[in-house]
């Protein structure tokens, strides 16, 4: 039996104005047979960001290095990723080989 695919949602930049968007996306992916994980950053707000710099960096690192995930989707762009780039272990992320998708300021990744 084939392993179900898994997607992780993370918000390494701005906070989500509508956190229920993650619930809607999870419903869509689940209906198509995916397992879904949503990080705390999808539901947090610290100033204009989806949590503190520490939380966003740690969660992005964890999701991008998690070999149980097939796909990591950034829930939104905005501003904030450049504040945490120096905290990431890019060797570990590269070694994990995840598909990581984002837009806007995520292009700095």
PDB file of N, CA and C in Angstrom:
ATOM      1  N   UNK A   1       0.845  -1.185   0.000  1.00  0.00           N
ATOM      2  CA  UNK A   1       0.000   0.000   0.000  1.00  0.00           C
ATOM      3  C   UNK A   1       0.882   1.238   0.000  1.00  0.00           C
ATOM      4  N   UNK A   2       0.560   2.175  -0.844  1.00  0.00           N
ATOM      5  CA  UNK A   2       1.350   3.401  -0.974  1.00  0.00           C
ATOM      6  C   UNK A   2       1.128   4.319   0.228  1.00  0.00           C
ATOM      7  N   UNK A   3       2.196   4.985   0.623  1.00  0.00           N
ATOM      8  CA  UNK A   3       2.120   5.959   1.712  1.00  0.00           C
ATOM      9  C   UNK A   3       1.380   7.180   1.203  1.00  0.00           C
ATOM     10  N   UNK A   4       0.492   7.722   2.037  1.00  0.00           N
ATOM     11  CA  UNK A   4      -0.196   8.949   1.631  1.00  0.00           C
ATOM     12  C   UNK A   4       0.798  10.105   1.637  1.00  0.00           C
ATOM     13  N   UNK A   5       0.561  11.035   0.774  1.00  0.00           N
ATOM     14  CA  UNK A   5       1.411  12.214   0.703  1.00  0.00           C
ATOM     15  C   UNK A   5       1.088  13.132   1.870  1.00  0.00           C
ATOM     16  N   UNK A   6       2.056  13.963   2.232  1.00  0.00           N
ATOM     17  CA  UNK A   6       1.870  14.867   3.372  1.00  0.00           C
ATOM     18  C   UNK A   6       2.321  16.271   2.998  1.00  0.00           C
ATOM     19  N   UNK A   7       1.524  17.243   3.419  1.00  0.00           N
ATOM     20  CA  UNK A   7       1.823  18.647   3.175  1.00  0.00           C
ATOM     21  C   UNK A   7       1.884  19.374   4.514  1.00  0.00           C
ATOM     22  N   UNK A   8       2.814  20.301   4.622  1.00  0.00           N
ATOM     23  CA  UNK A   8       2.921  21.131   5.819  1.00  0.00           C
ATOM     24  C   UNK A   8       2.755  22.593   5.449  1.00  0.00           C
ATOM     25  N   UNK A   9       1.888  23.279   6.173  1.00  0.00           N
ATOM     26  CA  UNK A   9       1.683  24.717   5.971  1.00  0.00           C
ATOM     27  C   UNK A   9       2.435  25.483   7.045  1.00  0.00           C
ATOM     28  N   UNK A  10       3.186  26.485   6.626  1.00  0.00           N
ATOM     29  CA  UNK A  10       3.968  27.305   7.536  1.00  0.00           C
ATOM     30  C   UNK A  10       3.876  28.759   7.061  1.00  0.00           C
ATOM     31  N   UNK A  11       3.987  29.678   7.990  1.00  0.00           N
ATOM     32  CA  UNK A  11       3.928  31.106   7.632  1.00  0.00           C
ATOM     33  C   UNK A  11       5.192  31.797   8.145  1.00  0.00           C
ATOM     34  N   UNK A  12       6.252  31.833   7.338  1.00  0.00           N
ATOM     35  CA  UNK A  12       7.515  32.401   7.804  1.00  0.00           C
ATOM     36  C   UNK A  12       7.614  33.919   7.682  1.00  0.00           C
ATOM     37  N   UNK A  13       6.554  34.557   7.243  1.00  0.00           N
ATOM     38  CA  UNK A  13       6.605  36.006   7.018  1.00  0.00           C
ATOM     39  C   UNK A  13       5.457  36.683   7.761  1.00  0.00           C
ATOM     40  N   UNK A  14       4.567  37.299   7.005  1.00  0.00           N
ATOM     41  CA  UNK A  14       3.447  38.024   7.595  1.00  0.00           C
ATOM     42  C   UNK A  14       2.378  37.105   8.160  1.00  0.00           C
ATOM     43  N   UNK A  15       1.600  37.654   9.095  1.00  0.00           N
ATOM     44  CA  UNK A  15       0.501  36.874   9.681  1.00  0.00           C
ATOM     45  C   UNK A  15      -0.623  36.715   8.663  1.00  0.00           C
ATOM     46  N   UNK A  16      -1.430  35.692   8.840  1.00  0.00           N
ATOM     47  CA  UNK A  16      -2.561  35.453   7.954  1.00  0.00           C
ATOM     48  C   UNK A  16      -3.757  36.269   8.416  1.00  0.00           C
ATOM     49  N   UNK A  17      -4.256  37.167   7.586  1.00  0.00           N
ATOM     50  CA  UNK A  17      -5.442  37.943   7.971  1.00  0.00           C
ATOM     51  C   UNK A  17      -6.655  37.044   8.183  1.00  0.00           C
ATOM     52  N   UNK A  18      -6.687  35.897   7.475  1.00  0.00           N
ATOM     53  CA  UNK A  18      -7.790  34.947   7.591  1.00  0.00           C
ATOM     54  C   UNK A  18      -7.226  33.560   7.882  1.00  0.00           C
ATOM     55  N   UNK A  19      -6.955  33.240   9.155  1.00  0.00           N
ATOM     56  CA  UNK A  19      -6.390  31.927   9.480  1.00  0.00           C
ATOM     57  C   UNK A  19      -7.284  30.763   9.060  1.00  0.00           C
ATOM     58  N   UNK A  20      -8.568  31.013   8.856  1.00  0.00           N
ATOM     59  CA  UNK A  20      -9.461  29.937   8.410  1.00  0.00           C
ATOM     60  C   UNK A  20      -9.111  29.476   6.993  1.00  0.00           C
ATOM     61  N   UNK A  21      -8.309  30.256   6.284  1.00  0.00           N
ATOM     62  CA  UNK A  21      -7.849  29.831   4.964  1.00  0.00           C
ATOM     63  C   UNK A  21      -7.069  28.525   5.075  1.00  0.00           C
ATOM     64  N   UNK A  22      -6.358  28.339   6.171  1.00  0.00           N
ATOM     65  CA  UNK A  22      -5.613  27.094   6.388  1.00  0.00           C
ATOM     66  C   UNK A  22      -6.587  25.940   6.546  1.00  0.00           C
ATOM     67  N   UNK A  23      -7.671  26.142   7.266  1.00  0.00           N
ATOM     68  CA  UNK A  23      -8.685  25.094   7.415  1.00  0.00           C
ATOM     69  C   UNK A  23      -9.275  24.718   6.057  1.00  0.00           C
ATOM     70  N   UNK A  24      -9.539  25.714   5.225  1.00  0.00           N
ATOM     71  CA  UNK A  24     -10.088  25.442   3.898  1.00  0.00           C
ATOM     72  C   UNK A  24      -9.080  24.680   3.036  1.00  0.00           C
ATOM     73  N   UNK A  25      -7.829  25.081   3.099  1.00  0.00           N
ATOM     74  CA  UNK A  25      -6.786  24.383   2.338  1.00  0.00           C
ATOM     75  C   UNK A  25      -6.615  22.954   2.847  1.00  0.00           C
ATOM     76  N   UNK A  26      -6.661  22.783   4.164  1.00  0.00           N
ATOM     77  CA  UNK A  26      -6.532  21.442   4.748  1.00  0.00           C
ATOM     78  C   UNK A  26      -7.671  20.541   4.282  1.00  0.00           C
ATOM     79  N   UNK A  27      -8.866  21.083   4.231  1.00  0.00           N
ATOM     80  CA  UNK A  27     -10.020  20.313   3.755  1.00  0.00           C
ATOM     81  C   UNK A  27      -9.807  19.875   2.309  1.00  0.00           C
ATOM     82  N   UNK A  28      -9.321  20.778   1.480  1.00  0.00           N
ATOM     83  CA  UNK A  28      -9.065  20.476   0.080  1.00  0.00           C
ATOM     84  C   UNK A  28      -8.018  19.371  -0.061  1.00  0.00           C
ATOM     85  N   UNK A  29      -6.889  19.516   0.632  1.00  0.00           N
ATOM     86  CA  UNK A  29      -5.825  18.513   0.537  1.00  0.00           C
ATOM     87  C   UNK A  29      -6.261  17.171   1.116  1.00  0.00           C
ATOM     88  N   UNK A  30      -6.956  17.195   2.236  1.00  0.00           N
ATOM     89  CA  UNK A  30      -7.415  15.953   2.870  1.00  0.00           C
ATOM     90  C   UNK A  30      -8.366  15.202   1.940  1.00  0.00           C
ATOM     91  N   UNK A  31      -9.247  15.910   1.281  1.00  0.00           N
ATOM     92  CA  UNK A  31     -10.194  15.288   0.352  1.00  0.00           C
ATOM     93  C   UNK A  31      -9.471  14.602  -0.807  1.00  0.00           C
ATOM     94  N   UNK A  32      -8.252  15.017  -1.063  1.00  0.00           N
ATOM     95  CA  UNK A  32      -7.464  14.420  -2.145  1.00  0.00           C
ATOM     96  C   UNK A  32      -6.451  13.402  -1.623  1.00  0.00           C
ATOM     97  N   UNK A  33      -6.598  13.021  -0.370  1.00  0.00           N
ATOM     98  CA  UNK A  33      -5.781  11.950   0.185  1.00  0.00           C
ATOM     99  C   UNK A  33      -4.492  12.372   0.860  1.00  0.00           C
ATOM    100  N   UNK A  34      -4.276  13.653   1.050  1.00  0.00           N
ATOM    101  CA  UNK A  34      -3.053  14.136   1.694  1.00  0.00           C
ATOM    102  C   UNK A  34      -3.232  14.177   3.201  1.00  0.00           C
ATOM    103  N   UNK A  35      -2.149  13.924   3.918  1.00  0.00           N
ATOM    104  CA  UNK A  35      -2.092  14.223   5.352  1.00  0.00           C
ATOM    105  C   UNK A  35      -1.639  15.679   5.462  1.00  0.00           C
ATOM    106  N   UNK A  36      -2.180  16.408   6.425  1.00  0.00           N
ATOM    107  CA  UNK A  36      -1.922  17.840   6.539  1.00  0.00           C
ATOM    108  C   UNK A  36      -1.384  18.175   7.926  1.00  0.00           C
ATOM    109  N   UNK A  37      -0.357  18.989   7.948  1.00  0.00           N
ATOM    110  CA  UNK A  37       0.141  19.592   9.187  1.00  0.00           C
ATOM    111  C   UNK A  37       0.121  21.105   8.995  1.00  0.00           C
ATOM    112  N   UNK A  38      -0.328  21.802  10.007  1.00  0.00           N
ATOM    113  CA  UNK A  38      -0.286  23.267   9.961  1.00  0.00           C
ATOM    114  C   UNK A  38       0.518  23.742  11.152  1.00  0.00           C
ATOM    115  N   UNK A  39       1.496  24.574  10.886  1.00  0.00           N
ATOM    116  CA  UNK A  39       2.342  25.097  11.947  1.00  0.00           C
ATOM    117  C   UNK A  39       1.629  26.167  12.761  1.00  0.00           C
ATOM    118  N   UNK A  40       2.152  26.392  13.945  1.00  0.00           N
ATOM    119  CA  UNK A  40       1.616  27.434  14.828  1.00  0.00           C
ATOM    120  C   UNK A  40       1.655  28.801  14.158  1.00  0.00           C
ATOM    121  N   UNK A  41       2.643  29.012  13.287  1.00  0.00           N
ATOM    122  CA  UNK A  41       2.769  30.310  12.635  1.00  0.00           C
ATOM    123  C   UNK A  41       1.558  30.649  11.769  1.00  0.00           C
ATOM    124  N   UNK A  42       0.815  29.648  11.357  1.00  0.00           N
ATOM    125  CA  UNK A  42      -0.383  29.900  10.543  1.00  0.00           C
ATOM    126  C   UNK A  42      -1.480  30.578  11.350  1.00  0.00           C
ATOM    127  N   UNK A  43      -1.355  30.533  12.670  1.00  0.00           N
ATOM    128  CA  UNK A  43      -2.420  31.049  13.532  1.00  0.00           C
ATOM    129  C   UNK A  43      -1.931  32.103  14.522  1.00  0.00           C
ATOM    130  N   UNK A  44      -0.638  32.418  14.466  1.00  0.00           N
ATOM    131  CA  UNK A  44      -0.045  33.374  15.397  1.00  0.00           C
ATOM    132  C   UNK A  44       0.019  34.768  14.775  1.00  0.00           C
ATOM    133  N   UNK A  45       0.136  35.751  15.660  1.00  0.00           N
ATOM    134  CA  UNK A  45       0.388  37.121  15.203  1.00  0.00           C
ATOM    135  C   UNK A  45       1.265  37.808  16.230  1.00  0.00           C
ATOM    136  N   UNK A  46       2.373  38.346  15.751  1.00  0.00           N
ATOM    137  CA  UNK A  46       3.274  39.157  16.559  1.00  0.00           C
ATOM    138  C   UNK A  46       3.609  40.375  15.712  1.00  0.00           C
ATOM    139  N   UNK A  47       3.052  41.511  16.087  1.00  0.00           N
ATOM    140  CA  UNK A  47       3.169  42.722  15.274  1.00  0.00           C
ATOM    141  C   UNK A  47       2.629  42.422  13.875  1.00  0.00           C
ATOM    142  N   UNK A  48       3.443  42.597  12.845  1.00  0.00           N
ATOM    143  CA  UNK A  48       2.973  42.329  11.477  1.00  0.00           C
ATOM    144  C   UNK A  48       3.330  40.922  11.005  1.00  0.00           C
ATOM    145  N   UNK A  49       3.931  40.135  11.888  1.00  0.00           N
ATOM    146  CA  UNK A  49       4.471  38.826  11.523  1.00  0.00           C
ATOM    147  C   UNK A  49       3.599  37.676  12.057  1.00  0.00           C
ATOM    148  N   UNK A  50       3.851  36.501  11.511  1.00  0.00           N
ATOM    149  CA  UNK A  50       3.146  35.286  11.926  1.00  0.00           C
ATOM    150  C   UNK A  50       3.888  34.635  13.100  1.00  0.00           C
ATOM    151  N   UNK A  51       4.097  35.395  14.139  1.00  0.00           N
ATOM    152  CA  UNK A  51       4.844  34.928  15.301  1.00  0.00           C
ATOM    153  C   UNK A  51       6.175  35.650  15.405  1.00  0.00           C
ATOM    154  N   UNK A  52       6.873  35.378  16.473  1.00  0.00           N
ATOM    155  CA  UNK A  52       8.181  35.985  16.685  1.00  0.00           C
ATOM    156  C   UNK A  52       9.178  35.459  15.651  1.00  0.00           C
ATOM    157  N   UNK A  53      10.291  36.169  15.506  1.00  0.00           N
ATOM    158  CA  UNK A  53      11.336  35.698  14.601  1.00  0.00           C
ATOM    159  C   UNK A  53      11.793  34.298  15.006  1.00  0.00           C
ATOM    160  N   UNK A  54      11.936  34.060  16.291  1.00  0.00           N
ATOM    161  CA  UNK A  54      12.387  32.761  16.786  1.00  0.00           C
ATOM    162  C   UNK A  54      11.421  31.653  16.381  1.00  0.00           C
ATOM    163  N   UNK A  55      10.133  31.882  16.573  1.00  0.00           N
ATOM    164  CA  UNK A  55       9.131  30.869  16.226  1.00  0.00           C
ATOM    165  C   UNK A  55       9.120  30.617  14.724  1.00  0.00           C
ATOM    166  N   UNK A  56       9.118  31.682  13.932  1.00  0.00           N
ATOM    167  CA  UNK A  56       9.047  31.516  12.483  1.00  0.00           C
ATOM    168  C   UNK A  56      10.269  30.788  11.947  1.00  0.00           C
ATOM    169  N   UNK A  57      11.444  31.106  12.454  1.00  0.00           N
ATOM    170  CA  UNK A  57      12.669  30.434  11.996  1.00  0.00           C
ATOM    171  C   UNK A  57      12.668  28.969  12.401  1.00  0.00           C
ATOM    172  N   UNK A  58      12.337  28.695  13.651  1.00  0.00           N
ATOM    173  CA  UNK A  58      12.344  27.311  14.139  1.00  0.00           C
ATOM    174  C   UNK A  58      11.328  26.458  13.379  1.00  0.00           C
ATOM    175  N   UNK A  59      10.163  27.023  13.145  1.00  0.00           N
ATOM    176  CA  UNK A  59       9.127  26.245  12.470  1.00  0.00           C
ATOM    177  C   UNK A  59       9.466  26.019  10.995  1.00  0.00           C
ATOM    178  N   UNK A  60       9.979  27.034  10.329  1.00  0.00           N
ATOM    179  CA  UNK A  60      10.377  26.851   8.933  1.00  0.00           C
ATOM    180  C   UNK A  60      11.476  25.790   8.839  1.00  0.00           C
ATOM    181  N   UNK A  61      12.438  25.845   9.727  1.00  0.00           N
ATOM    182  CA  UNK A  61      13.510  24.848   9.738  1.00  0.00           C
ATOM    183  C   UNK A  61      12.949  23.442   9.950  1.00  0.00           C
ATOM    184  N   UNK A  62      12.064  23.325  10.924  1.00  0.00           N
ATOM    185  CA  UNK A  62      11.481  22.004  11.244  1.00  0.00           C
ATOM    186  C   UNK A  62      10.691  21.449  10.065  1.00  0.00           C
ATOM    187  N   UNK A  63       9.849  22.269   9.456  1.00  0.00           N
ATOM    188  CA  UNK A  63       9.028  21.789   8.350  1.00  0.00           C
ATOM    189  C   UNK A  63       9.887  21.446   7.133  1.00  0.00           C
ATOM    190  N   UNK A  64      10.861  22.284   6.817  1.00  0.00           N
ATOM    191  CA  UNK A  64      11.696  22.060   5.632  1.00  0.00           C
ATOM    192  C   UNK A  64      12.659  20.895   5.802  1.00  0.00           C
ATOM    193  N   UNK A  65      12.900  20.483   7.041  1.00  0.00           N
ATOM    194  CA  UNK A  65      13.808  19.362   7.309  1.00  0.00           C
ATOM    195  C   UNK A  65      13.055  18.070   7.624  1.00  0.00           C
ATOM    196  N   UNK A  66      11.738  18.139   7.712  1.00  0.00           N
ATOM    197  CA  UNK A  66      10.911  16.992   8.105  1.00  0.00           C
ATOM    198  C   UNK A  66      10.736  16.038   6.929  1.00  0.00           C
ATOM    199  N   UNK A  67      11.347  14.885   7.014  1.00  0.00           N
ATOM    200  CA  UNK A  67      11.302  13.919   5.917  1.00  0.00           C
ATOM    201  C   UNK A  67       9.955  13.215   5.798  1.00  0.00           C
ATOM    202  N   UNK A  68       9.046  13.436   6.735  1.00  0.00           N
ATOM    203  CA  UNK A  68       7.702  12.859   6.603  1.00  0.00           C
ATOM    204  C   UNK A  68       6.810  13.735   5.728  1.00  0.00           C
ATOM    205  N   UNK A  69       7.259  14.956   5.433  1.00  0.00           N
ATOM    206  CA  UNK A  69       6.495  15.854   4.567  1.00  0.00           C
ATOM    207  C   UNK A  69       7.011  15.746   3.135  1.00  0.00           C
ATOM    208  N   UNK A  70       6.100  15.728   2.200  1.00  0.00           N
ATOM    209  CA  UNK A  70       6.470  15.730   0.789  1.00  0.00           C
ATOM    210  C   UNK A  70       6.527  17.146   0.234  1.00  0.00           C
ATOM    211  N   UNK A  71       5.729  18.026   0.822  1.00  0.00           N
ATOM    212  CA  UNK A  71       5.563  19.369   0.313  1.00  0.00           C
ATOM    213  C   UNK A  71       5.414  20.334   1.482  1.00  0.00           C
ATOM    214  N   UNK A  72       6.118  21.454   1.411  1.00  0.00           N
ATOM    215  CA  UNK A  72       5.975  22.527   2.388  1.00  0.00           C
ATOM    216  C   UNK A  72       5.441  23.740   1.639  1.00  0.00           C
ATOM    217  N   UNK A  73       4.289  24.240   2.087  1.00  0.00           N
ATOM    218  CA  UNK A  73       3.670  25.402   1.451  1.00  0.00           C
ATOM    219  C   UNK A  73       3.678  26.578   2.414  1.00  0.00           C
ATOM    220  N   UNK A  74       4.190  27.690   1.946  1.00  0.00           N
ATOM    221  CA  UNK A  74       4.151  28.911   2.740  1.00  0.00           C
ATOM    222  C   UNK A  74       2.778  29.540   2.576  1.00  0.00           C
ATOM    223  N   UNK A  75       2.154  29.829   3.695  1.00  0.00           N
ATOM    224  CA  UNK A  75       0.766  30.273   3.689  1.00  0.00           C
ATOM    225  C   UNK A  75       0.580  31.670   3.125  1.00  0.00           C
ATOM    226  N   UNK A  76       1.623  32.469   3.174  1.00  0.00           N
ATOM    227  CA  UNK A  76       1.542  33.799   2.572  1.00  0.00           C
ATOM    228  C   UNK A  76       2.936  34.394   2.449  1.00  0.00           C
ATOM    229  N   UNK A  77       3.006  35.479   1.747  1.00  0.00           N
ATOM    230  CA  UNK A  77       4.255  36.194   1.594  1.00  0.00           C
ATOM    231  C   UNK A  77       4.238  37.411   2.495  1.00  0.00           C
ATOM    232  N   UNK A  78       4.628  38.526   1.926  1.00  0.00           N
ATOM    233  CA  UNK A  78       4.658  39.752   2.706  1.00  0.00           C
ATOM    234  C   UNK A  78       6.074  40.156   3.008  1.00  0.00           C
ATOM    235  N   UNK A  79       6.321  40.458   4.258  1.00  0.00           N
ATOM    236  CA  UNK A  79       7.656  40.847   4.703  1.00  0.00           C
ATOM    237  C   UNK A  79       7.980  40.056   5.961  1.00  0.00           C
ATOM    238  N   UNK A  80       9.224  39.682   6.128  1.00  0.00           N
ATOM    239  CA  UNK A  80       9.650  39.052   7.365  1.00  0.00           C
ATOM    240  C   UNK A  80      10.640  37.919   7.198  1.00  0.00           C
ATOM    241  N   UNK A  81      10.641  37.265   6.044  1.00  0.00           N
ATOM    242  CA  UNK A  81      11.540  36.130   5.879  1.00  0.00           C
ATOM    243  C   UNK A  81      13.003  36.548   5.933  1.00  0.00           C
ATOM    244  N   UNK A  82      13.336  37.687   5.374  1.00  0.00           N
ATOM    245  CA  UNK A  82      14.739  38.111   5.372  1.00  0.00           C
ATOM    246  C   UNK A  82      15.261  38.332   6.787  1.00  0.00           C
ATOM    247  N   UNK A  83      14.377  38.534   7.745  1.00  0.00           N
ATOM    248  CA  UNK A  83      14.787  38.716   9.148  1.00  0.00           C
ATOM    249  C   UNK A  83      15.260  37.416   9.780  1.00  0.00           C
ATOM    250  N   UNK A  84      14.912  36.257   9.178  1.00  0.00           N
ATOM    251  CA  UNK A  84      15.224  34.972   9.818  1.00  0.00           C
ATOM    252  C   UNK A  84      16.157  34.088   8.998  1.00  0.00           C
ATOM    253  N   UNK A  85      16.552  34.527   7.810  1.00  0.00           N
ATOM    254  CA  UNK A  85      17.372  33.682   6.939  1.00  0.00           C
ATOM    255  C   UNK A  85      18.668  33.235   7.602  1.00  0.00           C
ATOM    256  N   UNK A  86      19.280  34.107   8.381  1.00  0.00           N
ATOM    257  CA  UNK A  86      20.567  33.760   9.001  1.00  0.00           C
ATOM    258  C   UNK A  86      20.418  32.731  10.114  1.00  0.00           C
ATOM    259  N   UNK A  87      19.203  32.403  10.490  1.00  0.00           N
ATOM    260  CA  UNK A  87      18.953  31.413  11.543  1.00  0.00           C
ATOM    261  C   UNK A  87      18.723  30.011  10.980  1.00  0.00           C
ATOM    262  N   UNK A  88      18.644  29.888   9.667  1.00  0.00           N
ATOM    263  CA  UNK A  88      18.302  28.608   9.051  1.00  0.00           C
ATOM    264  C   UNK A  88      19.545  27.790   8.721  1.00  0.00           C
ATOM    265  N   UNK A  89      19.423  26.482   8.866  1.00  0.00           N
ATOM    266  CA  UNK A  89      20.475  25.544   8.499  1.00  0.00           C
ATOM    267  C   UNK A  89      20.166  25.036   7.091  1.00  0.00           C
ATOM    268  N   UNK A  90      20.699  25.717   6.088  1.00  0.00           N
ATOM    269  CA  UNK A  90      20.389  25.389   4.705  1.00  0.00           C
ATOM    270  C   UNK A  90      20.963  24.044   4.284  1.00  0.00           C
ATOM    271  N   UNK A  91      22.053  23.598   4.906  1.00  0.00           N
ATOM    272  CA  UNK A  91      22.583  22.266   4.588  1.00  0.00           C
ATOM    273  C   UNK A  91      21.577  21.194   4.970  1.00  0.00           C
ATOM    274  N   UNK A  92      20.980  21.306   6.147  1.00  0.00           N
ATOM    275  CA  UNK A  92      19.973  20.331   6.592  1.00  0.00           C
ATOM    276  C   UNK A  92      18.732  20.387   5.716  1.00  0.00           C
ATOM    277  N   UNK A  93      18.341  21.584   5.325  1.00  0.00           N
ATOM    278  CA  UNK A  93      17.168  21.738   4.463  1.00  0.00           C
ATOM    279  C   UNK A  93      17.433  21.100   3.104  1.00  0.00           C
ATOM    280  N   UNK A  94      18.582  21.370   2.533  1.00  0.00           N
ATOM    281  CA  UNK A  94      18.946  20.791   1.234  1.00  0.00           C
ATOM    282  C   UNK A  94      18.998  19.266   1.327  1.00  0.00           C
ATOM    283  N   UNK A  95      19.587  18.753   2.388  1.00  0.00           N
ATOM    284  CA  UNK A  95      19.715  17.307   2.563  1.00  0.00           C
ATOM    285  C   UNK A  95      18.361  16.617   2.674  1.00  0.00           C
ATOM    286  N   UNK A  96      17.384  17.281   3.280  1.00  0.00           N
ATOM    287  CA  UNK A  96      16.059  16.688   3.443  1.00  0.00           C
ATOM    288  C   UNK A  96      15.342  16.551   2.101  1.00  0.00           C
ATOM    289  N   UNK A  97      15.640  17.421   1.159  1.00  0.00           N
ATOM    290  CA  UNK A  97      15.102  17.290  -0.186  1.00  0.00           C
ATOM    291  C   UNK A  97      13.603  17.521  -0.317  1.00  0.00           C
ATOM    292  N   UNK A  98      13.038  18.343   0.514  1.00  0.00           N
ATOM    293  CA  UNK A  98      11.592  18.627   0.436  1.00  0.00           C
ATOM    294  C   UNK A  98      11.306  19.547  -0.741  1.00  0.00           C
ATOM    295  N   UNK A  99      10.075  19.467  -1.237  1.00  0.00           N
ATOM    296  CA  UNK A  99       9.581  20.464  -2.182  1.00  0.00           C
ATOM    297  C   UNK A  99       9.015  21.589  -1.333  1.00  0.00           C
ATOM    298  N   UNK A 100       9.519  22.801  -1.552  1.00  0.00           N
ATOM    299  CA  UNK A 100       9.133  23.959  -0.741  1.00  0.00           C
ATOM    300  C   UNK A 100       8.621  25.038  -1.686  1.00  0.00           C
ATOM    301  N   UNK A 101       7.428  25.523  -1.415  1.00  0.00           N
ATOM    302  CA  UNK A 101       6.801  26.484  -2.308  1.00  0.00           C
ATOM    303  C   UNK A 101       6.377  27.725  -1.531  1.00  0.00           C
ATOM    304  N   UNK A 102       6.725  28.871  -2.055  1.00  0.00           N
ATOM    305  CA  UNK A 102       6.320  30.130  -1.450  1.00  0.00           C
ATOM    306  C   UNK A 102       6.342  31.214  -2.509  1.00  0.00           C
ATOM    307  N   UNK A 103       6.019  32.407  -2.113  1.00  0.00           N
ATOM    308  CA  UNK A 103       5.986  33.517  -3.065  1.00  0.00           C
ATOM    309  C   UNK A 103       6.311  34.801  -2.321  1.00  0.00           C
ATOM    310  N   UNK A 104       6.366  35.892  -3.055  1.00  0.00           N
ATOM    311  CA  UNK A 104       6.644  37.207  -2.503  1.00  0.00           C
ATOM    312  C   UNK A 104       8.019  37.189  -1.845  1.00  0.00           C
ATOM    313  N   UNK A 105       8.131  37.538  -0.582  1.00  0.00           N
ATOM    314  CA  UNK A 105       9.465  37.620   0.017  1.00  0.00           C
ATOM    315  C   UNK A 105      10.110  36.263   0.202  1.00  0.00           C
ATOM    316  N   UNK A 106       9.377  35.175  -0.020  1.00  0.00           N
ATOM    317  CA  UNK A 106       9.974  33.846   0.091  1.00  0.00           C
ATOM    318  C   UNK A 106      11.004  33.602  -1.000  1.00  0.00           C
ATOM    319  N   UNK A 107      10.993  34.414  -2.049  1.00  0.00           N
ATOM    320  CA  UNK A 107      11.999  34.247  -3.089  1.00  0.00           C
ATOM    321  C   UNK A 107      13.411  34.453  -2.550  1.00  0.00           C
ATOM    322  N   UNK A 108      13.558  35.151  -1.435  1.00  0.00           N
ATOM    323  CA  UNK A 108      14.879  35.323  -0.804  1.00  0.00           C
ATOM    324  C   UNK A 108      15.414  34.000  -0.265  1.00  0.00           C
ATOM    325  N   UNK A 109      14.546  33.066   0.018  1.00  0.00           N
ATOM    326  CA  UNK A 109      14.930  31.751   0.535  1.00  0.00           C
ATOM    327  C   UNK A 109      15.811  31.029  -0.467  1.00  0.00           C
TER     328      UNK A 109
END
